[in-house]
Amino acid sequence: MDIPDKYGEDSKKRPFYTQICSLLGIEYPIIQGALGGIGGPDLVAAVSNAGGLGVLAAWGFSLEHLQKAIHRTRELTTRPFAVNIMPLSPRFTRSRAELMVKEGINIVTTGRGDPREPIVQFLTAHGIKVLGVVPTVRHALRLEEEGVDALVASGCEAGGHVGRVGTMPLIPQVVDAVKVPVIAAGGIIDARGFMAAISLGACGVQMGTRFVATKESGASPEEKQSILEAVDEDSVVTEILTGKPARVLSSPQLEKLLQSMKDGLPLEEARSRVMELRKKRWRKEPGYTSVASGQGAGLIHGIVPAKEVIREIVSEAEVLYRRLDPWFLG
């Protein structure tokens, strides 16, 4: 593992202080994935206060609400945090980017792939560091050319919108293809996944599903419980929820809807039923359990504070590191 020389002897105490830590001003190379509707100020601040990078999702917020969420996050933490911009439409993307400049946000993560407009250049021109989330080497090369400061290579094991390439083959190929730092995402839940990502050449990890199942998460108790009860085969990838492939936990409601579509249910009717499910979620009614979740949900066995998630990963990763690196034993 590459340990920064600038820490000298102290580097033995900080074996996971990587390039991304220096770039973002964080203590540990652990980034919270943007969680639309779930990752509010409480979670974002908790992750940042614990030494990682909390990420506030712009999706699901009006501009006014997003601005208030940014202000609230700043009340809860003085440490770096980021805002994620999902490329829903040119107008949406541009308006959120302009708000980032107005609010003096220092770090922005993009949605999967590229907004396909000069948003990266717009943000970097205003001194904002941009982390592009990508599902392929092709996307990684394009965003590097546009000027991103780092890349989050996200494998198809992840929750939410996904590509088709698995994390294990994706990460080293992106690392070999680009010169900017690469962060690994997709199915990473614990210290073993963290260490695997570092071994593949990544300089950090992004985790979404693990942070859904935390005390500060905005997920409903039912949604959190569904993650605790999930096993490796319980997630499905479907386009019906957003129009693009997204991995979520299966549920009786979703299974019934997907079966109805196989039986000939018109697409417009299916979308109408999806909206009804979303309304249930917004109203926090029981019965909506199709929360975005990666394939690693079966490794989650408790709802704990975000600080505890980061502490466990770092401490357990150090134990693994000592086993693998005789030098560390000193």
Protein backbone atom coordinates (compact mmCIF):
# COMPACT_ATOMS: atom_id res chain seq x y z
CA MET A 1 0.00 0.00 0.00
CA ASP A 2 1.26 3.47 -0.87
CA ILE A 3 1.62 5.48 2.33
CA PRO A 4 2.24 9.23 1.93
CA ASP A 5 5.86 10.11 2.76
CA LYS A 6 4.84 13.46 4.24
CA TYR A 7 3.64 11.72 7.40
CA GLY A 8 6.98 10.02 8.07
CA GLU A 9 6.79 7.83 11.16
CA ASP A 10 3.23 8.97 11.74
CA SER A 11 2.22 7.22 8.51
CA LYS A 12 2.31 3.95 10.45
CA LYS A 13 -0.64 5.29 12.43
CA ARG A 14 -2.50 6.37 9.27
CA PRO A 15 -2.11 3.54 6.75
CA PHE A 16 -5.29 4.51 4.94
CA TYR A 17 -4.58 8.19 4.43
CA THR A 18 -4.64 8.07 0.64
CA GLN A 19 -4.52 10.56 -2.20
CA ILE A 20 -8.27 11.10 -2.02
CA CYS A 21 -8.01 12.12 1.65
CA SER A 22 -5.56 14.86 0.75
CA LEU A 23 -7.64 15.96 -2.25
CA LEU A 24 -10.90 16.24 -0.31
CA GLY A 25 -9.59 17.20 3.12
CA ILE A 26 -11.00 14.13 4.86
CA GLU A 27 -9.52 11.75 7.41
CA TYR A 28 -10.58 8.41 5.97
CA PRO A 29 -11.09 7.45 2.29
CA ILE A 30 -14.75 6.56 2.82
CA ILE A 31 -17.46 8.39 0.88
CA GLN A 32 -21.18 8.10 1.49
CA GLY A 33 -23.05 7.49 -1.74
CA ALA A 34 -25.75 10.02 -2.53
CA LEU A 35 -29.07 8.65 -1.31
CA GLY A 36 -32.02 10.50 -2.81
CA GLY A 37 -34.82 10.83 -0.27
CA ILE A 38 -32.72 9.15 2.42
CA GLY A 39 -29.39 10.97 2.68
CA GLY A 40 -30.39 14.21 4.38
CA PRO A 41 -28.32 16.62 6.49
CA ASP A 42 -28.28 14.37 9.56
CA LEU A 43 -26.61 11.50 7.73
CA VAL A 44 -24.32 13.68 5.62
CA ALA A 45 -23.04 15.54 8.69
CA ALA A 46 -22.62 12.33 10.68
CA VAL A 47 -20.42 10.79 7.99
CA SER A 48 -18.33 13.93 7.62
CA ASN A 49 -17.97 14.36 11.38
CA ALA A 50 -16.71 10.77 11.56
CA GLY A 51 -13.91 11.57 9.11
CA GLY A 52 -15.47 10.43 5.85
CA LEU A 53 -17.21 12.48 3.17
CA GLY A 54 -20.95 12.89 3.47
CA VAL A 55 -22.82 13.51 0.22
CA LEU A 56 -26.11 15.40 0.03
CA ALA A 57 -28.36 14.32 -2.84
CA ALA A 58 -29.84 17.10 -5.00
CA TRP A 59 -32.44 14.75 -6.46
CA GLY A 60 -35.83 14.96 -4.79
CA PHE A 61 -35.29 18.52 -3.57
CA SER A 62 -36.61 21.77 -4.98
CA LEU A 63 -33.92 24.43 -5.28
CA GLU A 64 -35.23 26.12 -2.16
CA HIS A 65 -35.32 22.87 -0.22
CA LEU A 66 -31.82 21.93 -1.39
CA GLN A 67 -30.50 25.31 -0.30
CA LYS A 68 -32.06 24.82 3.14
CA ALA A 69 -30.57 21.32 3.33
CA ILE A 70 -27.11 22.74 2.57
CA HIS A 71 -27.52 25.35 5.29
CA ARG A 72 -28.71 22.74 7.78
CA THR A 73 -25.76 20.47 6.97
CA ARG A 74 -23.39 23.35 7.66
CA GLU A 75 -25.04 23.85 11.03
CA LEU A 76 -24.29 20.21 11.86
CA THR A 77 -20.70 19.98 10.61
CA THR A 78 -17.73 22.19 9.85
CA ARG A 79 -16.01 19.41 7.94
CA PRO A 80 -16.04 18.89 4.15
CA PHE A 81 -19.15 17.46 2.55
CA ALA A 82 -20.31 17.15 -1.05
CA VAL A 83 -23.49 17.56 -3.04
CA ASN A 84 -24.48 15.08 -5.75
CA ILE A 85 -25.99 16.34 -9.00
CA MET A 86 -28.06 13.79 -10.89
CA PRO A 87 -28.35 14.59 -14.63
CA LEU A 88 -32.14 14.47 -14.82
CA SER A 89 -32.41 17.21 -17.45
CA PRO A 90 -30.23 20.07 -18.75
CA ARG A 91 -32.29 22.61 -16.81
CA PHE A 92 -32.16 20.61 -13.59
CA THR A 93 -28.44 20.00 -13.87
CA ARG A 94 -27.56 23.59 -14.69
CA SER A 95 -29.71 25.09 -11.94
CA ARG A 96 -28.17 22.81 -9.31
CA ALA A 97 -24.66 23.54 -10.56
CA GLU A 98 -25.32 27.28 -10.32
CA LEU A 99 -26.58 26.81 -6.77
CA MET A 100 -23.35 25.00 -5.86
CA VAL A 101 -21.38 28.06 -6.96
CA LYS A 102 -23.71 30.44 -5.13
CA GLU A 103 -23.50 28.43 -1.91
CA GLY A 104 -19.73 27.97 -2.09
CA ILE A 105 -19.87 24.18 -2.20
CA ASN A 106 -16.33 22.80 -2.57
CA ILE A 107 -17.05 19.24 -3.72
CA VAL A 108 -19.64 17.87 -6.17
CA THR A 109 -20.26 14.29 -7.24
CA THR A 110 -22.08 13.61 -10.50
CA GLY A 111 -24.64 10.96 -11.33
CA ARG A 112 -23.58 7.84 -13.19
CA GLY A 113 -21.96 8.87 -16.45
CA ASP A 114 -21.86 12.39 -17.78
CA PRO A 115 -24.50 15.16 -17.80
CA ARG A 116 -23.42 15.62 -21.46
CA GLU A 117 -23.16 19.37 -21.12
CA PRO A 118 -20.27 21.53 -19.86
CA ILE A 119 -21.21 21.19 -16.20
CA VAL A 120 -17.87 19.65 -15.19
CA GLN A 121 -15.99 22.56 -16.74
CA PHE A 122 -18.44 25.02 -15.21
CA LEU A 123 -17.91 23.62 -11.72
CA THR A 124 -14.13 23.24 -11.92
CA ALA A 125 -13.82 26.77 -13.33
CA HIS A 126 -15.32 27.97 -10.04
CA GLY A 127 -12.85 25.97 -7.96
CA ILE A 128 -15.20 23.11 -7.18
CA LYS A 129 -13.70 19.63 -7.06
CA VAL A 130 -15.72 17.18 -9.14
CA LEU A 131 -15.96 13.42 -8.61
CA GLY A 132 -17.59 11.68 -11.55
CA VAL A 133 -19.46 8.44 -10.89
CA VAL A 134 -18.97 6.06 -13.84
CA PRO A 135 -20.07 2.50 -14.74
CA THR A 136 -17.54 1.84 -17.54
CA VAL A 137 -14.02 2.64 -18.71
CA ARG A 138 -15.56 4.53 -21.63
CA HIS A 139 -17.36 6.92 -19.29
CA ALA A 140 -14.25 7.24 -17.12
CA LEU A 141 -12.11 8.35 -20.05
CA ARG A 142 -14.66 10.92 -21.14
CA LEU A 143 -15.03 12.47 -17.71
CA GLU A 144 -11.28 12.54 -17.20
CA GLU A 145 -10.98 14.44 -20.46
CA GLU A 146 -13.63 16.89 -19.26
CA GLY A 147 -11.55 17.62 -16.18
CA VAL A 148 -12.92 15.72 -13.17
CA ASP A 149 -10.63 15.60 -10.16
CA ALA A 150 -11.39 11.96 -9.36
CA LEU A 151 -13.63 9.13 -10.47
CA VAL A 152 -15.98 6.79 -8.61
CA ALA A 153 -16.01 3.53 -10.56
CA SER A 154 -19.28 1.86 -9.60
CA GLY A 155 -19.92 -1.81 -10.31
CA CYS A 156 -23.31 -3.34 -11.01
CA GLU A 157 -23.52 -4.81 -7.50
CA ALA A 158 -24.39 -1.33 -6.22
CA GLY A 159 -27.83 -0.15 -5.22
CA GLY A 160 -29.65 2.46 -7.30
CA HIS A 161 -28.77 3.10 -10.92
CA VAL A 162 -26.31 0.54 -12.24
CA GLY A 163 -24.30 -0.39 -15.29
CA ARG A 164 -23.47 -3.89 -16.48
CA VAL A 165 -19.86 -4.39 -15.31
CA GLY A 166 -19.06 -5.92 -11.92
CA THR A 167 -16.95 -4.10 -9.34
CA MET A 168 -14.06 -6.57 -9.33
CA PRO A 169 -13.28 -6.32 -13.07
CA LEU A 170 -14.27 -2.64 -13.37
CA ILE A 171 -12.00 -1.08 -10.76
CA PRO A 172 -8.57 -2.24 -12.04
CA GLN A 173 -9.52 -1.49 -15.64
CA VAL A 174 -10.51 2.08 -14.76
CA VAL A 175 -7.39 2.48 -12.59
CA ASP A 176 -5.22 1.39 -15.53
CA ALA A 177 -7.04 3.64 -18.00
CA VAL A 178 -6.94 6.99 -16.20
CA LYS A 179 -4.48 9.19 -14.33
CA VAL A 180 -6.88 10.72 -11.78
CA PRO A 181 -7.59 9.01 -8.45
CA VAL A 182 -10.20 6.23 -8.54
CA ILE A 183 -12.68 5.40 -5.80
CA ALA A 184 -14.38 2.00 -5.79
CA ALA A 185 -18.12 1.47 -5.35
CA GLY A 186 -20.57 -1.39 -5.70
CA GLY A 187 -21.21 -4.09 -3.11
CA ILE A 188 -18.72 -2.70 -0.56
CA ILE A 189 -20.04 -3.11 2.96
CA ASP A 190 -17.23 -3.90 5.39
CA ALA A 191 -13.47 -3.89 5.92
CA ARG A 192 -12.98 -6.84 3.60
CA GLY A 193 -14.57 -4.96 0.72
CA PHE A 194 -12.58 -1.87 1.65
CA MET A 195 -9.30 -3.78 1.56
CA ALA A 196 -10.24 -5.51 -1.70
CA ALA A 197 -10.86 -2.11 -3.30
CA ILE A 198 -7.49 -0.80 -2.12
CA SER A 199 -5.83 -3.96 -3.46
CA LEU A 200 -7.45 -3.35 -6.86
CA GLY A 201 -5.77 0.05 -7.04
CA ALA A 202 -8.55 2.29 -5.72
CA CYS A 203 -7.64 5.00 -3.24
CA GLY A 204 -10.93 4.83 -1.37
CA VAL A 205 -14.48 3.51 -1.39
CA GLN A 206 -17.99 4.85 -1.78
CA MET A 207 -20.78 3.07 0.07
CA GLY A 208 -24.50 3.63 -0.20
CA THR A 209 -26.38 0.60 1.10
CA ARG A 210 -24.42 0.42 4.35
CA PHE A 211 -25.29 4.01 5.15
CA VAL A 212 -28.97 3.45 4.39
CA ALA A 213 -28.95 1.09 7.37
CA THR A 214 -27.74 3.66 9.91
CA LYS A 215 -29.49 5.55 12.66
CA GLU A 216 -29.09 8.90 10.88
CA SER A 217 -30.48 7.64 7.58
CA GLY A 218 -33.82 9.02 6.43
CA ALA A 219 -35.01 5.55 5.40
CA SER A 220 -38.16 4.36 7.14
CA PRO A 221 -37.90 1.70 9.87
CA GLU A 222 -39.53 -0.73 7.43
CA GLU A 223 -36.94 0.00 4.75
CA LYS A 224 -34.07 -0.41 7.18
CA GLN A 225 -35.53 -3.68 8.42
CA SER A 226 -35.82 -4.96 4.85
CA ILE A 227 -32.07 -4.48 4.44
CA LEU A 228 -31.35 -6.33 7.67
CA GLU A 229 -33.47 -9.24 6.48
CA ALA A 230 -32.05 -9.30 2.93
CA VAL A 231 -29.85 -12.08 1.56
CA ASP A 232 -27.61 -12.15 -1.47
CA GLU A 233 -30.36 -12.89 -4.02
CA ASP A 234 -32.97 -10.41 -2.77
CA SER A 235 -32.14 -7.46 -5.02
CA VAL A 236 -33.40 -7.00 -8.57
CA VAL A 237 -32.54 -4.67 -11.43
CA THR A 238 -35.48 -3.01 -13.15
CA GLU A 239 -36.15 0.06 -15.29
CA ILE A 240 -39.74 0.49 -14.18
CA LEU A 241 -38.92 2.69 -11.19
CA THR A 242 -36.88 5.41 -12.93
CA GLY A 243 -36.74 4.55 -16.63
CA LYS A 244 -33.13 3.38 -16.26
CA PRO A 245 -31.69 0.18 -14.78
CA ALA A 246 -31.79 0.45 -10.99
CA ARG A 247 -31.05 -2.15 -8.33
CA VAL A 248 -33.54 -2.31 -5.47
CA LEU A 249 -34.64 -4.86 -2.92
CA SER A 250 -37.49 -6.99 -4.13
CA SER A 251 -40.83 -6.75 -2.35
CA PRO A 252 -44.29 -8.28 -2.75
CA GLN A 253 -45.52 -5.07 -4.37
CA LEU A 254 -42.66 -4.92 -6.86
CA GLU A 255 -42.85 -8.62 -7.67
CA LYS A 256 -46.56 -8.29 -8.32
CA LEU A 257 -45.98 -5.29 -10.58
CA LEU A 258 -43.21 -6.99 -12.57
CA GLN A 259 -45.35 -10.10 -13.02
CA SER A 260 -48.26 -7.95 -14.21
CA MET A 261 -45.97 -6.42 -16.82
CA LYS A 262 -44.97 -9.88 -18.01
CA ASP A 263 -48.65 -10.68 -18.29
CA GLY A 264 -49.22 -7.69 -20.55
CA LEU A 265 -49.86 -4.72 -18.25
CA PRO A 266 -49.42 -1.55 -20.36
CA LEU A 267 -46.32 0.49 -19.53
CA GLU A 268 -48.30 3.62 -18.69
CA GLU A 269 -50.42 1.68 -16.19
CA ALA A 270 -47.27 0.22 -14.65
CA ARG A 271 -45.78 3.69 -14.25
CA SER A 272 -49.00 4.87 -12.63
CA ARG A 273 -48.72 2.07 -10.08
CA VAL A 274 -45.09 3.04 -9.42
CA MET A 275 -46.22 6.57 -8.64
CA GLU A 276 -48.74 5.20 -6.16
CA LEU A 277 -45.95 3.25 -4.45
CA ARG A 278 -43.82 6.40 -4.31
CA LYS A 279 -46.67 8.35 -2.75
CA LYS A 280 -46.89 5.70 -0.06
CA ARG A 281 -43.21 6.15 0.61
CA TRP A 282 -43.47 9.93 0.74
CA ARG A 283 -46.38 9.62 3.17
CA LYS A 284 -44.30 7.08 5.11
CA GLU A 285 -47.09 4.54 4.85
CA PRO A 286 -46.27 0.87 5.52
CA GLY A 287 -46.07 -1.41 2.53
CA TYR A 288 -43.41 0.30 0.45
CA THR A 289 -40.19 -1.68 0.83
CA SER A 290 -38.46 -1.46 -2.56
CA VAL A 291 -35.56 0.56 -1.22
CA ALA A 292 -32.44 0.92 -3.40
CA SER A 293 -29.95 -1.62 -2.14
CA GLY A 294 -26.81 -3.35 -3.37
CA GLN A 295 -26.05 -7.05 -3.37
CA GLY A 296 -24.01 -6.73 -0.18
CA ALA A 297 -27.06 -6.09 2.00
CA GLY A 298 -26.79 -9.60 3.41
CA LEU A 299 -23.61 -8.50 5.21
CA ILE A 300 -25.49 -5.89 7.25
CA HIS A 301 -26.71 -7.14 10.62
CA GLY A 302 -27.47 -4.02 12.62
CA ILE A 303 -28.62 -0.41 12.49
CA VAL A 304 -25.78 1.61 13.99
CA PRO A 305 -24.64 5.24 13.89
CA ALA A 306 -22.67 6.26 10.78
CA LYS A 307 -19.69 6.95 13.01
CA GLU A 308 -19.69 3.32 14.10
CA VAL A 309 -19.73 2.12 10.47
CA ILE A 310 -16.60 4.10 9.67
CA ARG A 311 -14.87 3.18 12.92
CA GLU A 312 -15.45 -0.53 12.37
CA ILE A 313 -14.25 -0.47 8.77
CA VAL A 314 -11.06 1.41 9.59
CA SER A 315 -10.19 -0.60 12.70
CA GLU A 316 -10.92 -3.96 11.09
CA ALA A 317 -9.07 -2.97 7.92
CA GLU A 318 -6.01 -2.15 10.02
CA VAL A 319 -6.13 -5.65 11.49
CA LEU A 320 -6.28 -7.13 7.99
CA TYR A 321 -3.46 -4.87 6.89
CA ARG A 322 -1.22 -6.02 9.73
CA ARG A 323 -1.77 -9.61 8.66
CA LEU A 324 -0.82 -8.81 5.08
CA ASP A 325 2.08 -6.40 5.53
CA PRO A 326 5.03 -7.55 7.68
CA TRP A 327 6.46 -4.02 7.52
CA PHE A 328 3.47 -2.69 9.44
CA LEU A 329 4.27 -5.00 12.34
CA GLY A 330 7.51 -3.05 12.75
